[in-house]
């Protein structure tokens, strides 16, 4: 029974979008891993989880602050509010990425490279959005509403702190996996 084109496309999409972060090391009958790719331990699963939770909590708090400050809209341009909303929403996405990474205890070098690239890209986008918000606030549109202006300033400063934390986690992951010790998960099996 042959697969239809739709089934092939769905199987390919599932493999690329859903299964790319999962690792399932399988031992051969002889007890060795044979020709499979090396499986590495997660360098800091709890750290990924806590920073993911922190990012989601920042999203929730800033969401309530944004709901409160939207009542005072009218004296600021829509560009500031749009970028502010993007920064707040990006915290949620960044938190989901970190929580997704924290659920894996092991992964191949290719998977960890993907995680590092996605985390770095997410981190750089958060930094770019924060710098864009600061540029809009201080050079672009004028905002005479003190509540929104203070919220923007606090959000930019919080973003810089978060980018530092997330960047430190990425650097720690790179150093731990590629430059220190032997990260292979199967070296500690009994």
N, C-alpha and C. Protein backbone atom coordinates (compact mmCIF):
# COMPACT_ATOMS: atom_id res chain seq x y z
N UNK A 1 0.85 -1.17 0.00
CA UNK A 1 0.00 0.00 0.00
C UNK A 1 0.89 1.24 0.00
N UNK A 2 0.78 2.06 -0.99
CA UNK A 2 1.64 3.23 -1.10
C UNK A 2 1.01 4.43 -0.41
N UNK A 3 1.90 5.31 0.02
CA UNK A 3 1.45 6.52 0.68
C UNK A 3 1.04 7.55 -0.36
N UNK A 4 0.02 8.31 -0.02
CA UNK A 4 -0.39 9.38 -0.92
C UNK A 4 0.55 10.57 -0.71
N UNK A 5 0.47 11.54 -1.60
CA UNK A 5 1.32 12.73 -1.48
C UNK A 5 1.01 13.48 -0.19
N UNK A 6 -0.28 13.56 0.16
CA UNK A 6 -0.67 14.25 1.38
C UNK A 6 -0.07 13.59 2.61
N UNK A 7 -0.10 12.25 2.66
CA UNK A 7 0.48 11.54 3.79
C UNK A 7 1.98 11.77 3.89
N UNK A 8 2.66 11.79 2.76
CA UNK A 8 4.10 12.06 2.76
C UNK A 8 4.40 13.47 3.25
N UNK A 9 3.60 14.44 2.79
CA UNK A 9 3.80 15.83 3.22
C UNK A 9 3.53 15.96 4.71
N UNK A 10 2.47 15.34 5.20
CA UNK A 10 2.14 15.41 6.62
C UNK A 10 3.22 14.73 7.47
N UNK A 11 3.75 13.61 7.01
CA UNK A 11 4.80 12.92 7.74
C UNK A 11 6.07 13.77 7.79
N UNK A 12 6.39 14.42 6.67
CA UNK A 12 7.56 15.29 6.62
C UNK A 12 7.38 16.50 7.54
N UNK A 13 6.20 17.11 7.51
CA UNK A 13 5.93 18.25 8.39
C UNK A 13 5.99 17.85 9.86
N UNK A 14 5.45 16.69 10.19
CA UNK A 14 5.50 16.22 11.57
C UNK A 14 6.95 16.01 12.01
N UNK A 15 7.75 15.40 11.14
CA UNK A 15 9.14 15.16 11.48
C UNK A 15 9.90 16.48 11.67
N UNK A 16 9.66 17.45 10.78
CA UNK A 16 10.40 18.71 10.85
C UNK A 16 9.91 19.63 11.95
N UNK A 17 8.58 19.68 12.18
CA UNK A 17 8.04 20.64 13.12
C UNK A 17 7.81 20.07 14.51
N UNK A 18 7.50 18.81 14.63
CA UNK A 18 7.14 18.26 15.94
C UNK A 18 8.23 17.41 16.56
N UNK A 19 8.94 16.63 15.78
CA UNK A 19 9.89 15.68 16.33
C UNK A 19 11.33 16.18 16.34
N UNK A 20 11.59 17.39 15.91
CA UNK A 20 12.98 17.82 15.77
C UNK A 20 13.68 17.99 17.11
N UNK A 21 12.97 18.18 18.21
CA UNK A 21 13.63 18.40 19.49
C UNK A 21 13.69 17.17 20.36
N UNK A 22 13.17 16.06 19.91
CA UNK A 22 13.13 14.87 20.74
C UNK A 22 14.32 13.97 20.45
N UNK A 23 14.89 13.44 21.50
CA UNK A 23 15.99 12.50 21.30
C UNK A 23 15.60 11.17 21.92
N UNK A 24 15.87 10.14 21.22
CA UNK A 24 15.57 8.80 21.69
C UNK A 24 16.78 7.89 21.43
N UNK A 25 17.76 7.92 22.35
CA UNK A 25 18.93 7.06 22.13
C UNK A 25 18.54 5.60 22.26
N UNK A 26 19.02 4.78 21.35
CA UNK A 26 18.70 3.36 21.34
C UNK A 26 20.01 2.60 21.34
N UNK A 27 20.14 1.68 22.28
CA UNK A 27 21.34 0.85 22.34
C UNK A 27 21.16 -0.35 21.42
N UNK A 28 22.27 -0.77 20.87
CA UNK A 28 22.23 -2.00 20.09
C UNK A 28 22.30 -3.19 21.05
N UNK A 29 22.20 -4.38 20.54
CA UNK A 29 22.19 -5.57 21.38
C UNK A 29 23.51 -5.75 22.12
N UNK A 30 24.59 -5.28 21.55
CA UNK A 30 25.89 -5.43 22.18
C UNK A 30 26.14 -4.45 23.31
N UNK A 31 25.25 -3.51 23.54
CA UNK A 31 25.41 -2.56 24.63
C UNK A 31 26.08 -1.26 24.23
N UNK A 32 26.52 -1.14 22.99
CA UNK A 32 27.14 0.10 22.56
C UNK A 32 26.18 0.84 21.63
N UNK A 33 26.54 2.07 21.34
CA UNK A 33 25.68 2.88 20.51
C UNK A 33 26.00 2.74 19.03
N UNK A 34 27.04 2.04 18.70
CA UNK A 34 27.34 1.74 17.31
C UNK A 34 27.58 3.00 16.49
N UNK A 35 26.86 3.13 15.40
CA UNK A 35 27.07 4.22 14.46
C UNK A 35 26.16 5.42 14.71
N UNK A 36 25.42 5.45 15.81
CA UNK A 36 24.50 6.55 16.05
C UNK A 36 25.26 7.80 16.48
N UNK A 37 24.59 8.93 16.38
CA UNK A 37 25.19 10.20 16.79
C UNK A 37 25.33 10.23 18.31
N UNK A 38 26.35 10.92 18.81
CA UNK A 38 26.51 10.99 20.27
C UNK A 38 25.35 11.76 20.90
N UNK A 39 24.92 11.30 22.04
CA UNK A 39 23.82 11.93 22.76
C UNK A 39 24.41 12.69 23.93
N UNK A 40 24.12 14.00 24.02
CA UNK A 40 24.67 14.85 25.06
C UNK A 40 23.63 15.15 26.12
N UNK A 41 24.09 15.25 27.36
CA UNK A 41 23.21 15.64 28.45
C UNK A 41 22.91 17.14 28.36
N UNK A 42 21.75 17.50 28.86
CA UNK A 42 21.41 18.92 28.96
C UNK A 42 22.30 19.55 30.02
N UNK A 43 22.96 20.67 29.72
CA UNK A 43 23.87 21.26 30.69
C UNK A 43 23.15 21.89 31.88
N UNK A 44 21.93 22.36 31.69
CA UNK A 44 21.23 23.05 32.79
C UNK A 44 19.72 23.03 32.57
N UNK A 45 19.07 21.88 32.71
CA UNK A 45 17.64 21.84 32.45
C UNK A 45 16.83 22.70 33.42
N UNK A 46 17.26 22.74 34.69
CA UNK A 46 16.53 23.56 35.67
C UNK A 46 16.70 25.05 35.39
N UNK A 47 17.88 25.43 34.94
CA UNK A 47 18.12 26.83 34.60
C UNK A 47 17.27 27.26 33.41
N UNK A 48 17.17 26.40 32.40
CA UNK A 48 16.29 26.68 31.28
C UNK A 48 14.85 26.82 31.75
N UNK A 49 14.44 25.92 32.65
CA UNK A 49 13.06 25.96 33.13
C UNK A 49 12.80 27.24 33.92
N UNK A 50 13.69 27.61 34.84
CA UNK A 50 13.45 28.80 35.65
C UNK A 50 13.47 30.08 34.82
N UNK A 51 14.35 30.16 33.84
CA UNK A 51 14.35 31.35 32.98
C UNK A 51 13.11 31.38 32.09
N UNK A 52 12.62 30.21 31.68
CA UNK A 52 11.37 30.14 30.92
C UNK A 52 10.19 30.61 31.77
N UNK A 53 10.14 30.14 33.02
CA UNK A 53 9.07 30.57 33.93
C UNK A 53 9.19 32.07 34.19
N UNK A 54 10.41 32.57 34.39
CA UNK A 54 10.62 34.01 34.59
C UNK A 54 10.10 34.81 33.39
N UNK A 55 10.39 34.34 32.21
CA UNK A 55 9.96 35.04 31.01
C UNK A 55 8.44 35.05 30.87
N UNK A 56 7.81 33.93 31.18
CA UNK A 56 6.34 33.87 31.12
C UNK A 56 5.73 34.74 32.20
N UNK A 57 6.33 34.77 33.39
CA UNK A 57 5.82 35.65 34.46
C UNK A 57 5.96 37.13 34.09
N UNK A 58 7.08 37.48 33.45
CA UNK A 58 7.23 38.86 32.98
C UNK A 58 6.13 39.18 31.98
N UNK A 59 5.83 38.23 31.09
CA UNK A 59 4.75 38.42 30.13
C UNK A 59 3.43 38.67 30.84
N UNK A 60 3.10 37.87 31.86
CA UNK A 60 1.83 38.02 32.56
C UNK A 60 1.75 39.36 33.28
N UNK A 61 2.82 39.72 33.99
CA UNK A 61 2.83 41.00 34.72
C UNK A 61 2.72 42.17 33.74
N UNK A 62 3.52 42.14 32.68
CA UNK A 62 3.48 43.23 31.72
C UNK A 62 2.15 43.29 30.97
N UNK A 63 1.51 42.14 30.81
CA UNK A 63 0.19 42.12 30.18
C UNK A 63 -0.82 42.87 31.02
N UNK A 64 -0.78 42.66 32.34
CA UNK A 64 -1.67 43.40 33.23
C UNK A 64 -1.33 44.89 33.25
N UNK A 65 -0.03 45.19 33.25
CA UNK A 65 0.39 46.60 33.20
C UNK A 65 -0.08 47.25 31.91
N UNK A 66 0.06 46.53 30.79
CA UNK A 66 -0.39 47.07 29.50
C UNK A 66 -1.90 47.28 29.49
N UNK A 67 -2.65 46.35 30.08
CA UNK A 67 -4.11 46.51 30.15
C UNK A 67 -4.47 47.74 30.96
N UNK A 68 -3.70 47.99 32.01
CA UNK A 68 -3.94 49.18 32.84
C UNK A 68 -3.57 50.45 32.11
N UNK A 69 -2.42 50.46 31.43
CA UNK A 69 -1.97 51.68 30.77
C UNK A 69 -2.73 51.98 29.49
N UNK A 70 -3.36 50.99 28.89
CA UNK A 70 -4.15 51.23 27.68
C UNK A 70 -5.30 52.19 27.97
N UNK A 71 -5.73 52.25 29.23
CA UNK A 71 -6.81 53.16 29.59
C UNK A 71 -6.38 54.62 29.43
N UNK A 72 -5.09 54.87 29.50
CA UNK A 72 -4.58 56.22 29.40
C UNK A 72 -4.10 56.57 28.00
N UNK A 73 -4.43 55.72 27.03
CA UNK A 73 -3.98 55.95 25.66
C UNK A 73 -4.62 57.22 25.10
N UNK A 74 -3.98 57.80 24.17
CA UNK A 74 -4.51 58.99 23.53
C UNK A 74 -3.46 60.06 23.40
N UNK A 75 -2.48 60.04 24.28
CA UNK A 75 -1.44 61.05 24.24
C UNK A 75 -0.13 60.51 23.66
N UNK A 76 -0.09 59.24 23.36
CA UNK A 76 1.10 58.63 22.76
C UNK A 76 0.75 58.08 21.39
N UNK A 77 1.75 58.02 20.54
CA UNK A 77 1.54 57.50 19.20
C UNK A 77 1.31 56.00 19.21
N UNK A 78 0.74 55.51 18.14
CA UNK A 78 0.44 54.09 18.06
C UNK A 78 1.71 53.25 17.86
N UNK A 79 2.78 53.85 17.35
CA UNK A 79 4.03 53.12 17.15
C UNK A 79 4.63 52.64 18.46
N UNK A 80 4.59 53.49 19.47
CA UNK A 80 5.13 53.11 20.78
C UNK A 80 4.34 51.96 21.36
N UNK A 81 3.03 52.05 21.30
CA UNK A 81 2.19 51.00 21.87
C UNK A 81 2.32 49.69 21.09
N UNK A 82 2.48 49.78 19.78
CA UNK A 82 2.63 48.56 18.97
C UNK A 82 3.94 47.85 19.31
N UNK A 83 5.03 48.58 19.42
CA UNK A 83 6.31 47.96 19.75
C UNK A 83 6.28 47.45 21.19
N UNK A 84 5.63 48.17 22.08
CA UNK A 84 5.49 47.72 23.46
C UNK A 84 4.76 46.38 23.51
N UNK A 85 3.69 46.26 22.75
CA UNK A 85 2.94 45.00 22.70
C UNK A 85 3.79 43.87 22.12
N UNK A 86 4.60 44.19 21.11
CA UNK A 86 5.48 43.17 20.52
C UNK A 86 6.52 42.68 21.52
N UNK A 87 7.10 43.60 22.29
CA UNK A 87 8.10 43.21 23.30
C UNK A 87 7.46 42.32 24.35
N UNK A 88 6.28 42.71 24.81
CA UNK A 88 5.59 41.92 25.83
C UNK A 88 5.24 40.53 25.29
N UNK A 89 4.75 40.46 24.06
CA UNK A 89 4.40 39.16 23.48
C UNK A 89 5.64 38.32 23.25
N UNK A 90 6.77 38.95 22.92
CA UNK A 90 7.98 38.18 22.66
C UNK A 90 8.50 37.52 23.94
N UNK A 91 8.22 38.13 25.10
CA UNK A 91 8.57 37.47 26.35
C UNK A 91 7.87 36.12 26.46
N UNK A 92 6.61 36.07 26.06
CA UNK A 92 5.86 34.83 26.11
C UNK A 92 6.48 33.77 25.19
N UNK A 93 6.78 34.18 23.95
CA UNK A 93 7.39 33.23 23.01
C UNK A 93 8.76 32.77 23.49
N UNK A 94 9.55 33.67 24.02
CA UNK A 94 10.87 33.32 24.53
C UNK A 94 10.74 32.34 25.70
N UNK A 95 9.76 32.56 26.56
CA UNK A 95 9.52 31.64 27.66
C UNK A 95 9.14 30.26 27.18
N UNK A 96 8.30 30.20 26.15
CA UNK A 96 7.91 28.90 25.60
C UNK A 96 9.11 28.17 25.01
N UNK A 97 9.99 28.90 24.33
CA UNK A 97 11.20 28.28 23.75
C UNK A 97 12.07 27.71 24.87
N UNK A 98 12.27 28.47 25.93
CA UNK A 98 13.12 27.99 27.03
C UNK A 98 12.48 26.81 27.76
N UNK A 99 11.17 26.83 27.93
CA UNK A 99 10.50 25.70 28.56
C UNK A 99 10.57 24.47 27.67
N UNK A 100 10.49 24.66 26.36
CA UNK A 100 10.61 23.55 25.43
C UNK A 100 12.01 22.93 25.51
N UNK A 101 13.02 23.76 25.60
CA UNK A 101 14.40 23.26 25.70
C UNK A 101 14.60 22.54 27.04
N UNK A 102 13.99 23.05 28.09
CA UNK A 102 14.20 22.46 29.42
C UNK A 102 13.63 21.06 29.56
N UNK A 103 12.69 20.69 28.71
CA UNK A 103 12.07 19.37 28.84
C UNK A 103 12.97 18.25 28.33
N UNK A 104 13.99 18.56 27.57
CA UNK A 104 14.90 17.54 27.04
C UNK A 104 16.07 17.35 27.98
N UNK A 105 16.27 16.12 28.39
CA UNK A 105 17.43 15.81 29.22
C UNK A 105 18.65 15.46 28.38
N UNK A 106 18.41 14.96 27.18
CA UNK A 106 19.50 14.61 26.28
C UNK A 106 19.16 15.07 24.88
N UNK A 107 20.19 15.18 24.05
CA UNK A 107 19.99 15.54 22.66
C UNK A 107 21.27 15.35 21.88
N UNK A 108 21.14 15.25 20.59
CA UNK A 108 22.33 15.12 19.75
C UNK A 108 22.97 16.49 19.58
N UNK A 109 24.17 16.50 19.02
CA UNK A 109 24.84 17.78 18.80
C UNK A 109 24.05 18.65 17.84
N UNK A 110 23.39 18.04 16.88
CA UNK A 110 22.57 18.81 15.94
C UNK A 110 21.38 19.46 16.65
N UNK A 111 20.76 18.74 17.58
CA UNK A 111 19.64 19.31 18.33
C UNK A 111 20.10 20.46 19.21
N UNK A 112 21.24 20.30 19.89
CA UNK A 112 21.73 21.39 20.74
C UNK A 112 22.14 22.59 19.91
N UNK A 113 22.65 22.36 18.71
CA UNK A 113 22.98 23.48 17.82
C UNK A 113 21.70 24.23 17.44
N UNK A 114 20.63 23.50 17.17
CA UNK A 114 19.35 24.15 16.86
C UNK A 114 18.85 24.95 18.05
N UNK A 115 18.91 24.35 19.24
CA UNK A 115 18.45 25.05 20.43
C UNK A 115 19.23 26.35 20.65
N UNK A 116 20.54 26.27 20.48
CA UNK A 116 21.37 27.45 20.66
C UNK A 116 21.05 28.51 19.62
N UNK A 117 20.86 28.10 18.37
CA UNK A 117 20.53 29.06 17.31
C UNK A 117 19.17 29.70 17.55
N UNK A 118 18.18 28.91 17.93
CA UNK A 118 16.85 29.47 18.18
C UNK A 118 16.87 30.39 19.39
N UNK A 119 17.55 29.99 20.46
CA UNK A 119 17.64 30.85 21.64
C UNK A 119 18.37 32.15 21.33
N UNK A 120 19.45 32.05 20.57
CA UNK A 120 20.20 33.26 20.20
C UNK A 120 19.35 34.19 19.34
N UNK A 121 18.66 33.62 18.36
CA UNK A 121 17.80 34.44 17.52
C UNK A 121 16.68 35.10 18.30
N UNK A 122 16.08 34.37 19.21
CA UNK A 122 15.02 34.91 20.05
C UNK A 122 15.55 36.02 20.94
N UNK A 123 16.74 35.80 21.48
CA UNK A 123 17.39 36.80 22.33
C UNK A 123 17.71 38.07 21.55
N UNK A 124 18.25 37.91 20.36
CA UNK A 124 18.58 39.08 19.53
C UNK A 124 17.33 39.84 19.09
N UNK A 125 16.26 39.12 18.81
CA UNK A 125 15.02 39.79 18.44
C UNK A 125 14.44 40.58 19.61
N UNK A 126 14.51 40.01 20.82
CA UNK A 126 14.06 40.74 22.01
C UNK A 126 14.89 42.00 22.21
N UNK A 127 16.20 41.89 22.01
CA UNK A 127 17.07 43.06 22.13
C UNK A 127 16.73 44.09 21.06
N UNK A 128 16.52 43.66 19.82
CA UNK A 128 16.16 44.59 18.75
C UNK A 128 14.84 45.29 19.00
N UNK A 129 13.85 44.55 19.46
CA UNK A 129 12.56 45.17 19.78
C UNK A 129 12.69 46.18 20.92
N UNK A 130 13.50 45.84 21.92
CA UNK A 130 13.71 46.75 23.05
C UNK A 130 14.42 48.02 22.61
N UNK A 131 15.44 47.87 21.76
CA UNK A 131 16.13 49.05 21.24
C UNK A 131 15.21 49.89 20.36
N UNK A 132 14.35 49.21 19.59
CA UNK A 132 13.36 49.94 18.79
C UNK A 132 12.39 50.71 19.65
N UNK A 133 11.97 50.11 20.75
CA UNK A 133 11.08 50.81 21.68
C UNK A 133 11.77 52.02 22.29
N UNK A 134 13.03 51.85 22.67
CA UNK A 134 13.79 52.98 23.23
C UNK A 134 13.97 54.08 22.19
N UNK A 135 14.22 53.70 20.94
CA UNK A 135 14.39 54.71 19.88
C UNK A 135 13.09 55.47 19.64
N UNK A 136 11.98 54.74 19.60
CA UNK A 136 10.68 55.40 19.43
C UNK A 136 10.41 56.34 20.60
N UNK A 137 10.75 55.92 21.79
CA UNK A 137 10.42 56.69 22.98
C UNK A 137 11.25 57.96 23.08
N UNK A 138 12.55 57.87 22.79
CA UNK A 138 13.42 59.01 23.03
C UNK A 138 13.69 59.87 21.81
N UNK A 139 13.51 59.34 20.61
CA UNK A 139 13.81 60.15 19.43
C UNK A 139 12.64 60.26 18.48
N UNK A 140 11.81 59.27 18.46
CA UNK A 140 10.71 59.24 17.50
C UNK A 140 9.51 60.02 18.00
N UNK A 141 8.47 59.30 18.21
CA UNK A 141 7.21 59.91 18.61
C UNK A 141 7.32 60.45 20.02
N UNK A 142 6.63 61.56 20.25
CA UNK A 142 6.61 62.11 21.60
C UNK A 142 5.48 61.47 22.38
N UNK A 143 5.72 61.30 23.66
CA UNK A 143 4.72 60.70 24.53
C UNK A 143 4.60 61.58 25.75
N UNK A 144 3.48 62.23 25.87
CA UNK A 144 3.29 63.13 27.01
C UNK A 144 2.60 62.44 28.18
N UNK A 145 2.25 61.18 28.03
CA UNK A 145 1.62 60.42 29.10
C UNK A 145 2.71 59.79 29.96
N UNK A 146 2.84 60.23 31.20
CA UNK A 146 3.90 59.73 32.08
C UNK A 146 3.76 58.25 32.40
N UNK A 147 2.53 57.76 32.50
CA UNK A 147 2.32 56.35 32.84
C UNK A 147 2.89 55.44 31.75
N UNK A 148 2.58 55.73 30.51
CA UNK A 148 3.07 54.90 29.41
C UNK A 148 4.57 55.08 29.23
N UNK A 149 5.05 56.30 29.41
CA UNK A 149 6.48 56.54 29.27
C UNK A 149 7.27 55.77 30.32
N UNK A 150 6.82 55.78 31.55
CA UNK A 150 7.51 55.02 32.61
C UNK A 150 7.42 53.52 32.37
N UNK A 151 6.28 53.07 31.88
CA UNK A 151 6.13 51.65 31.56
C UNK A 151 7.10 51.25 30.46
N UNK A 152 7.23 52.10 29.44
CA UNK A 152 8.18 51.81 28.35
C UNK A 152 9.61 51.74 28.87
N UNK A 153 9.99 52.69 29.70
CA UNK A 153 11.35 52.72 30.23
C UNK A 153 11.61 51.48 31.07
N UNK A 154 10.65 51.10 31.93
CA UNK A 154 10.84 49.90 32.76
C UNK A 154 10.90 48.65 31.89
N UNK A 155 10.10 48.60 30.83
CA UNK A 155 10.12 47.44 29.94
C UNK A 155 11.44 47.33 29.19
N UNK A 156 11.99 48.46 28.75
CA UNK A 156 13.29 48.44 28.07
C UNK A 156 14.39 47.99 29.03
N UNK A 157 14.40 48.53 30.26
CA UNK A 157 15.42 48.12 31.22
C UNK A 157 15.28 46.65 31.61
N UNK A 158 14.04 46.19 31.79
CA UNK A 158 13.81 44.77 32.09
C UNK A 158 14.25 43.89 30.93
N UNK A 159 14.05 44.37 29.72
CA UNK A 159 14.48 43.61 28.54
C UNK A 159 16.00 43.49 28.49
N UNK A 160 16.71 44.57 28.83
CA UNK A 160 18.17 44.51 28.84
C UNK A 160 18.66 43.51 29.89
N UNK A 161 18.02 43.49 31.06
CA UNK A 161 18.39 42.53 32.10
C UNK A 161 18.11 41.11 31.62
N UNK A 162 16.95 40.91 31.02
CA UNK A 162 16.57 39.58 30.53
C UNK A 162 17.50 39.11 29.41
N UNK A 163 17.84 40.00 28.50
CA UNK A 163 18.76 39.64 27.42
C UNK A 163 20.11 39.22 28.01
N UNK A 164 20.54 39.91 29.05
CA UNK A 164 21.79 39.51 29.72
C UNK A 164 21.68 38.13 30.34
N UNK A 165 20.56 37.85 31.01
CA UNK A 165 20.36 36.53 31.61
C UNK A 165 20.28 35.44 30.55
N UNK A 166 19.49 35.67 29.50
CA UNK A 166 19.34 34.69 28.44
C UNK A 166 20.65 34.49 27.70
N UNK A 167 21.38 35.58 27.45
CA UNK A 167 22.68 35.47 26.79
C UNK A 167 23.67 34.70 27.63
N UNK A 168 23.64 34.91 28.95
CA UNK A 168 24.50 34.15 29.85
C UNK A 168 24.18 32.67 29.82
N UNK A 169 22.89 32.34 29.73
CA UNK A 169 22.48 30.94 29.65
C UNK A 169 22.96 30.31 28.34
N UNK A 170 22.86 31.05 27.25
CA UNK A 170 23.34 30.54 25.96
C UNK A 170 24.85 30.32 26.00
N UNK A 171 25.58 31.29 26.57
CA UNK A 171 27.03 31.15 26.68
C UNK A 171 27.40 29.97 27.57
N UNK A 172 26.69 29.80 28.68
CA UNK A 172 26.93 28.67 29.57
C UNK A 172 26.70 27.34 28.84
N UNK A 173 25.63 27.28 28.07
CA UNK A 173 25.31 26.05 27.33
C UNK A 173 26.42 25.74 26.32
N UNK A 174 26.85 26.75 25.59
CA UNK A 174 27.91 26.53 24.59
C UNK A 174 29.20 26.07 25.26
N UNK A 175 29.59 26.75 26.34
CA UNK A 175 30.84 26.39 27.02
C UNK A 175 30.75 24.99 27.62
N UNK A 176 29.62 24.69 28.26
CA UNK A 176 29.47 23.38 28.90
C UNK A 176 29.44 22.25 27.88
N UNK A 177 28.77 22.46 26.75
CA UNK A 177 28.66 21.39 25.76
C UNK A 177 29.91 21.23 24.91
N UNK A 178 30.49 22.34 24.49
CA UNK A 178 31.54 22.25 23.48
C UNK A 178 32.97 22.39 24.02
N UNK A 179 33.15 22.97 25.19
CA UNK A 179 34.51 23.25 25.63
C UNK A 179 34.90 22.61 26.96
N UNK A 180 33.94 22.12 27.73
CA UNK A 180 34.26 21.57 29.04
C UNK A 180 33.84 20.12 29.12
N UNK A 181 34.58 19.38 29.81
CA UNK A 181 34.27 18.00 30.16
C UNK A 181 33.86 17.17 28.94
N UNK A 182 33.28 16.04 29.23
CA UNK A 182 32.76 15.17 28.19
C UNK A 182 31.24 15.15 28.35
N UNK A 183 30.50 15.80 27.46
CA UNK A 183 29.06 15.95 27.67
C UNK A 183 28.24 14.72 27.27
N UNK A 184 28.90 13.66 26.83
CA UNK A 184 28.15 12.53 26.32
C UNK A 184 27.34 11.86 27.42
N UNK A 185 26.06 11.65 27.15
CA UNK A 185 25.14 11.12 28.16
C UNK A 185 25.42 9.68 28.48
N UNK A 186 25.88 8.89 27.53
CA UNK A 186 26.02 7.47 27.78
C UNK A 186 27.32 7.13 28.50
N UNK A 187 28.17 8.11 28.77
CA UNK A 187 29.39 7.84 29.52
C UNK A 187 29.11 7.59 30.99
N UNK A 188 27.94 7.99 31.48
CA UNK A 188 27.64 7.82 32.89
C UNK A 188 26.69 6.67 33.15
N UNK A 189 26.43 5.88 32.16
CA UNK A 189 25.52 4.76 32.37
C UNK A 189 26.19 3.70 33.21
N UNK A 190 25.39 3.02 33.99
CA UNK A 190 25.96 1.97 34.84
C UNK A 190 25.85 0.61 34.19
